[in-house]
């Protein structure tokens, strides 16, 4: 009797080509769970998944785990959905409220604070997004995922973390990568690779099948997936991940 692998993946717009491939490639039978990045990490760590699309910052802490496939959630230019927004220039910010849905974005924000912005802000955990309304001028907000679209145009200063990273390192970035526990059969990993390839080659079909069609018939979603997201985990992104991991920055926001 074949064992059906359990897969957990991110539940954002940027993942729908992967999800489409997993559902339609007809080469991989899997039990798929979708969740925000931090919850994907918990699912994997707690043994609820054999294969996962995980925030890159989590990977060095994992044991008996390999990075797999040639795919990721990455960016070679503006990623658009990982941003710090503020009313003042970042050099004048005193507090940064951190969206806790992705540890990678939090740690990347810490890296940029040290190596690019040269600031030492107070780090606070953002649980209540209403704090973005009528916030003190010295406050900034790290916002990630689909919710960022709702905040576009509301702050005069917006710092795209993929752009900021590239300005410092001259490298692209990989926000999430596929991993599997040691012992997952090579046949399963090969089937996953083929399923992801199928999905990336059918981005428009993935949009049509998704909840992101919207009033513009999916044009905004398609443009985001083809202009802002780069799905290929190439050598440059591997170099970027090593640089990010070697930095060893650990930001732990204080609960308010």
Protein backbone atom coordinates (compact mmCIF):
# COMPACT_ATOMS: atom_id res chain seq x y z
CA UNK A 1 0.00 0.00 0.00
CA UNK A 2 1.47 3.35 -1.11
CA UNK A 3 2.01 5.97 1.60
CA UNK A 4 0.43 9.32 0.73
CA UNK A 5 2.81 12.13 1.74
CA UNK A 6 1.54 15.01 3.83
CA UNK A 7 2.43 18.41 2.42
CA UNK A 8 1.98 21.82 4.03
CA UNK A 9 2.29 24.98 1.94
CA UNK A 10 1.71 28.69 2.28
CA UNK A 11 -1.85 29.92 1.84
CA UNK A 12 -1.00 33.14 -0.02
CA UNK A 13 -1.45 34.28 -3.60
CA UNK A 14 2.23 33.63 -4.31
CA UNK A 15 1.73 29.89 -3.80
CA UNK A 16 -1.25 29.22 -6.05
CA UNK A 17 0.85 27.97 -9.01
CA UNK A 18 2.42 25.37 -6.71
CA UNK A 19 -0.97 24.36 -5.35
CA UNK A 20 -2.38 24.13 -8.87
CA UNK A 21 0.46 21.83 -9.88
CA UNK A 22 -0.02 19.61 -6.84
CA UNK A 23 -3.70 19.23 -7.64
CA UNK A 24 -3.51 18.78 -11.40
CA UNK A 25 -0.17 17.23 -12.37
CA UNK A 26 -1.60 13.69 -11.97
CA UNK A 27 1.80 12.44 -10.84
CA UNK A 28 1.71 13.02 -7.09
CA UNK A 29 -0.99 11.94 -4.67
CA UNK A 30 -0.67 13.99 -1.50
CA UNK A 31 -2.58 15.26 1.50
CA UNK A 32 -2.20 19.05 1.21
CA UNK A 33 -2.67 21.60 4.01
CA UNK A 34 -2.48 25.34 3.40
CA UNK A 35 -1.55 27.81 6.16
CA UNK A 36 0.34 31.08 6.81
CA UNK A 37 4.15 30.63 6.71
CA UNK A 38 4.66 30.46 10.48
CA UNK A 39 1.95 27.82 10.82
CA UNK A 40 3.50 25.80 8.00
CA UNK A 41 6.68 25.74 10.04
CA UNK A 42 4.80 24.56 13.13
CA UNK A 43 3.04 21.84 11.14
CA UNK A 44 6.35 20.54 9.87
CA UNK A 45 8.19 20.76 13.19
CA UNK A 46 5.33 19.00 14.98
CA UNK A 47 5.43 16.14 12.48
CA UNK A 48 2.15 16.96 10.77
CA UNK A 49 3.83 17.14 7.37
CA UNK A 50 6.57 15.21 5.56
CA UNK A 51 7.18 17.92 2.95
CA UNK A 52 6.73 21.65 3.39
CA UNK A 53 7.13 25.04 1.82
CA UNK A 54 8.78 26.82 4.75
CA UNK A 55 10.04 30.32 5.58
CA UNK A 56 13.74 30.31 4.76
CA UNK A 57 14.73 31.54 8.22
CA UNK A 58 13.44 28.32 9.80
CA UNK A 59 15.57 25.94 7.75
CA UNK A 60 18.90 26.14 9.66
CA UNK A 61 17.12 25.05 12.85
CA UNK A 62 15.69 21.87 11.35
CA UNK A 63 17.22 18.43 11.82
CA UNK A 64 17.03 15.47 9.46
CA UNK A 65 15.75 17.81 6.76
CA UNK A 66 16.89 18.61 3.23
CA UNK A 67 16.09 21.52 0.93
CA UNK A 68 14.51 19.96 -2.14
CA UNK A 69 13.30 20.94 -5.64
CA UNK A 70 14.44 23.76 -7.91
CA UNK A 71 11.61 25.99 -6.75
CA UNK A 72 10.99 28.62 -4.09
CA UNK A 73 9.05 31.79 -3.38
CA UNK A 74 11.62 34.37 -4.38
CA UNK A 75 12.18 37.75 -5.96
CA UNK A 76 14.80 39.29 -8.21
CA UNK A 77 13.20 42.74 -7.99
CA UNK A 78 10.35 44.27 -5.97
CA UNK A 79 8.40 41.51 -4.23
CA UNK A 80 5.61 43.95 -3.27
CA UNK A 81 4.16 41.79 -0.48
CA UNK A 82 7.00 42.04 2.05
CA UNK A 83 7.26 45.71 3.03
CA UNK A 84 7.96 48.12 5.83
CA UNK A 85 5.56 51.07 5.74
CA UNK A 86 5.94 54.29 7.69
CA UNK A 87 4.97 57.94 7.92
CA UNK A 88 8.59 59.04 8.32
CA UNK A 89 11.80 58.02 6.54
CA UNK A 90 13.12 54.77 7.98
CA UNK A 91 16.11 56.59 9.48
CA UNK A 92 13.73 58.43 11.83
CA UNK A 93 11.66 55.41 12.88
CA UNK A 94 11.80 54.46 16.57
CA UNK A 95 9.52 51.42 16.65
CA UNK A 96 8.83 48.69 14.10
CA UNK A 97 5.74 46.53 14.54
CA UNK A 98 6.41 43.09 13.10
CA UNK A 99 3.87 40.95 11.30
CA UNK A 100 4.45 37.52 12.83
CA UNK A 101 3.21 35.45 9.90
CA UNK A 102 6.72 34.86 8.54
CA UNK A 103 9.92 34.56 10.55
CA UNK A 104 11.97 35.11 7.40
CA UNK A 105 10.53 38.58 6.86
CA UNK A 106 11.10 39.48 10.52
CA UNK A 107 14.74 38.41 10.45
CA UNK A 108 15.28 40.06 7.07
CA UNK A 109 13.92 43.28 8.55
CA UNK A 110 16.47 42.93 11.36
CA UNK A 111 19.26 42.37 8.83
CA UNK A 112 18.33 45.52 6.94
CA UNK A 113 18.00 47.57 10.11
CA UNK A 114 21.62 46.70 10.93
CA UNK A 115 23.28 46.61 7.53
CA UNK A 116 21.35 49.15 5.46
CA UNK A 117 19.17 51.46 7.54
CA UNK A 118 21.63 51.64 10.46
CA UNK A 119 18.90 51.95 13.08
CA UNK A 120 18.19 50.20 16.37
CA UNK A 121 14.41 50.41 16.71
CA UNK A 122 12.23 48.88 19.36
CA UNK A 123 10.80 45.66 17.95
CA UNK A 124 7.14 45.00 18.74
CA UNK A 125 4.84 42.13 17.82
CA UNK A 126 1.97 43.15 15.55
CA UNK A 127 -1.14 41.16 16.39
CA UNK A 128 -3.73 43.91 16.00
CA UNK A 129 -3.55 45.42 12.52
CA UNK A 130 -5.76 48.32 13.57
CA UNK A 131 -2.58 49.73 15.12
CA UNK A 132 -1.68 50.92 11.64
CA UNK A 133 -4.48 53.46 11.91
CA UNK A 134 -3.56 56.79 13.53
CA UNK A 135 -0.17 55.36 14.57
CA UNK A 136 2.50 57.68 16.02
CA UNK A 137 4.74 59.13 13.32
CA UNK A 138 7.79 57.29 14.65
CA UNK A 139 6.11 53.88 14.19
CA UNK A 140 6.69 51.64 11.17
CA UNK A 141 5.00 48.38 10.23
CA UNK A 142 6.38 45.23 8.65
CA UNK A 143 3.49 43.81 6.66
CA UNK A 144 3.60 40.63 4.59
CA UNK A 145 1.34 38.57 2.37
CA UNK A 146 -1.89 39.37 0.62
CA UNK A 147 -2.89 41.97 3.22
CA UNK A 148 -0.19 44.30 1.87
CA UNK A 149 -2.39 45.06 -1.13
CA UNK A 150 -4.94 46.64 1.22
CA UNK A 151 -2.31 49.00 2.66
CA UNK A 152 -0.83 50.24 -0.60
CA UNK A 153 -1.11 54.00 -0.83
CA UNK A 154 -1.77 54.51 2.90
CA UNK A 155 1.80 55.34 3.94
CA UNK A 156 4.15 57.85 2.28
CA UNK A 157 7.22 55.65 2.84
CA UNK A 158 7.27 52.04 1.66
CA UNK A 159 10.37 49.87 1.79
CA UNK A 160 10.21 46.69 -0.29
CA UNK A 161 12.45 44.24 1.55
CA UNK A 162 13.51 42.39 -1.59
CA UNK A 163 14.67 45.68 -3.13
CA UNK A 164 16.40 46.76 0.09
CA UNK A 165 18.19 43.39 0.34
CA UNK A 166 19.36 43.60 -3.27
CA UNK A 167 20.73 47.11 -2.76
CA UNK A 168 22.93 45.82 0.06
CA UNK A 169 23.95 42.41 -1.30
CA UNK A 170 23.39 42.63 -5.08
CA UNK A 171 21.58 39.30 -4.74
CA UNK A 172 17.99 38.12 -5.22
CA UNK A 173 16.18 36.58 -2.28
CA UNK A 174 14.27 33.40 -1.47
CA UNK A 175 11.59 33.90 1.16
CA UNK A 176 10.41 30.29 1.29
CA UNK A 177 11.87 26.97 0.13
CA UNK A 178 10.68 23.40 -0.17
CA UNK A 179 12.02 20.91 2.38
CA UNK A 180 11.50 17.23 3.14
CA UNK A 181 12.40 14.93 5.97
CA UNK A 182 15.26 12.55 5.36
CA UNK A 183 13.72 9.28 4.35
CA UNK A 184 11.07 10.71 2.04
CA UNK A 185 11.49 8.55 -1.09
CA UNK A 186 13.32 10.07 -4.04
CA UNK A 187 10.38 9.06 -6.20
CA UNK A 188 8.11 11.30 -4.15
CA UNK A 189 10.52 14.24 -4.39
CA UNK A 190 10.84 13.74 -8.15
CA UNK A 191 7.05 13.69 -8.46
CA UNK A 192 6.84 16.89 -6.41
CA UNK A 193 9.39 18.54 -8.69
CA UNK A 194 7.33 17.61 -11.74
CA UNK A 195 4.10 18.80 -10.11
CA UNK A 196 5.65 22.18 -9.23
CA UNK A 197 6.99 22.53 -12.77
CA UNK A 198 3.50 21.89 -14.11
CA UNK A 199 2.09 24.58 -11.83
CA UNK A 200 4.70 27.21 -12.69
CA UNK A 201 4.06 26.52 -16.38
CA UNK A 202 0.32 27.11 -15.88
CA UNK A 203 0.18 30.31 -13.85
CA UNK A 204 -2.80 31.75 -15.69
CA UNK A 205 -4.81 28.56 -15.19
CA UNK A 206 -3.90 28.67 -11.50
CA UNK A 207 -5.24 32.22 -11.23
CA UNK A 208 -8.48 31.31 -13.02
CA UNK A 209 -9.09 28.46 -10.59
CA UNK A 210 -8.20 30.55 -7.52
CA UNK A 211 -10.19 33.04 -5.40
CA UNK A 212 -8.00 35.82 -6.85
CA UNK A 213 -9.86 36.39 -10.11
CA UNK A 214 -11.46 39.53 -8.66
CA UNK A 215 -13.19 42.33 -10.53
CA UNK A 216 -10.28 42.64 -12.99
CA UNK A 217 -10.60 39.03 -14.11
CA UNK A 218 -7.33 37.99 -12.52
CA UNK A 219 -5.05 40.47 -14.27
CA UNK A 220 -3.62 41.93 -11.05
CA UNK A 221 -2.94 38.47 -9.60
CA UNK A 222 -1.33 37.25 -12.83
CA UNK A 223 0.89 40.33 -13.12
CA UNK A 224 2.00 39.92 -9.50
CA UNK A 225 2.90 36.26 -10.01
CA UNK A 226 4.79 36.91 -13.23
CA UNK A 227 6.44 40.25 -12.41
CA UNK A 228 7.06 40.22 -8.65
CA UNK A 229 7.56 36.53 -7.81
CA UNK A 230 10.42 34.43 -9.12
CA UNK A 231 9.89 30.74 -8.51
CA UNK A 232 13.30 29.37 -9.51
CA UNK A 233 15.73 28.42 -6.73
CA UNK A 234 18.90 29.06 -8.69
CA UNK A 235 22.52 29.40 -7.59
CA UNK A 236 22.16 33.12 -6.90
CA UNK A 237 19.31 32.49 -4.47
CA UNK A 238 21.29 29.72 -2.79
CA UNK A 239 24.09 32.26 -2.29
CA UNK A 240 21.60 34.74 -0.89
CA UNK A 241 20.26 32.19 1.58
CA UNK A 242 23.76 31.31 2.79
CA UNK A 243 24.53 34.99 3.33
CA UNK A 244 21.24 35.46 5.18
CA UNK A 245 21.74 32.38 7.36
CA UNK A 246 25.38 33.19 8.11
CA UNK A 247 24.39 36.64 9.37
CA UNK A 248 22.80 34.94 12.38
CA UNK A 249 20.53 37.87 13.20
CA UNK A 250 17.69 36.96 15.58
CA UNK A 251 14.96 39.50 16.17
CA UNK A 252 12.50 38.62 18.92
CA UNK A 253 9.71 41.19 19.06
CA UNK A 254 8.25 42.19 22.41
CA UNK A 255 4.54 41.58 22.94
CA UNK A 256 2.78 44.82 23.64
